[in-house]
Amino acid sequence: MILRFLGFGVVNLVGIDPDEARVGDVAVKVAHSGFYTRAEVWLKVRHGASDWVSIFELQMQYYYTSYLA
């Protein structure tokens, strides 16, 4: 998903095609499977499809425990 910030608190969903993104756009990739979540945020820094920079990455694994009283 590619987002474009239009102003304070205003975000526009641009699409999912990296060729249509402009410099300053943000792409977000989230993968969630069972007890595992991975999120990554990319920033478009130059013109061209491959000119993205990863600015944030989060990996979480959730654990389930049960308690019987």
Protein backbone atom coordinates (compact mmCIF):
# COMPACT_ATOMS: atom_id res chain seq x y z
CA MET A 1 0.00 0.00 0.00
CA ILE A 2 1.43 3.39 -0.95
CA LEU A 3 0.37 6.43 1.05
CA ARG A 4 0.74 10.13 0.26
CA PHE A 5 0.63 12.72 3.04
CA LEU A 6 -1.45 15.69 1.88
CA GLY A 7 -1.34 17.77 5.02
CA PHE A 8 -1.60 17.61 8.76
CA GLY A 9 -3.54 14.45 9.54
CA VAL A 10 -4.56 13.87 5.90
CA VAL A 11 -3.34 10.73 4.13
CA ASN A 12 -4.32 9.62 0.64
CA LEU A 13 -4.10 6.00 -0.51
CA VAL A 14 -2.23 6.11 -3.83
CA GLY A 15 -2.30 2.43 -4.77
CA ILE A 16 0.04 -0.54 -4.93
CA ASP A 17 2.13 0.26 -8.04
CA PRO A 18 5.63 1.50 -7.07
CA ASP A 19 6.11 3.03 -10.55
CA GLU A 20 3.28 5.52 -9.90
CA ALA A 21 4.66 6.72 -6.57
CA ARG A 22 6.21 10.17 -6.19
CA VAL A 23 9.19 11.24 -4.08
CA GLY A 24 8.07 11.51 -0.46
CA ASP A 25 5.41 8.78 -0.69
CA VAL A 26 5.40 6.04 1.93
CA ALA A 27 4.81 2.33 1.29
CA VAL A 28 3.70 -0.01 4.06
CA LYS A 29 4.00 -3.80 3.96
CA VAL A 30 2.36 -5.86 6.71
CA ALA A 31 2.43 -9.65 6.91
CA HIS A 32 0.43 -11.38 9.59
CA SER A 33 0.30 -15.15 10.03
CA GLY A 34 -0.95 -16.82 13.18
CA PHE A 35 1.18 -15.56 16.07
CA TYR A 36 3.70 -13.72 13.87
CA THR A 37 3.51 -10.17 12.50
CA ARG A 38 6.04 -8.33 10.35
CA ALA A 39 5.67 -4.71 9.24
CA GLU A 40 7.99 -2.59 7.12
CA VAL A 41 7.78 1.06 6.06
CA TRP A 42 9.53 2.34 2.92
CA LEU A 43 10.10 5.95 1.81
CA LYS A 44 10.41 7.00 -1.86
CA VAL A 45 13.60 9.12 -2.04
CA ARG A 46 14.26 9.48 -5.80
CA HIS A 47 12.50 8.98 -9.13
CA GLY A 48 12.49 5.43 -10.46
CA ALA A 49 10.87 2.18 -9.31
CA SER A 50 13.85 0.97 -7.26
CA ASP A 51 14.63 4.14 -5.31
CA TRP A 52 12.96 3.24 -2.01
CA VAL A 53 14.61 3.28 1.44
CA SER A 54 13.44 1.16 4.38
CA ILE A 55 12.87 3.50 7.33
CA PHE A 56 11.19 1.17 9.84
CA GLU A 57 10.87 -2.56 10.43
CA LEU A 58 8.97 -4.39 13.15
CA GLN A 59 8.86 -8.11 13.81
CA MET A 60 6.69 -9.49 16.59
CA GLN A 61 5.99 -13.02 17.70
CA TYR A 62 3.12 -13.59 20.08
CA TYR A 63 3.04 -16.40 22.58
CA TYR A 64 -0.07 -18.08 23.88
CA THR A 65 -0.17 -19.41 27.40
CA SER A 66 -3.07 -20.95 29.21
CA TYR A 67 -3.80 -20.95 32.90
CA LEU A 68 -6.08 -23.44 34.57
CA ALA A 69 -7.35 -22.53 38.02
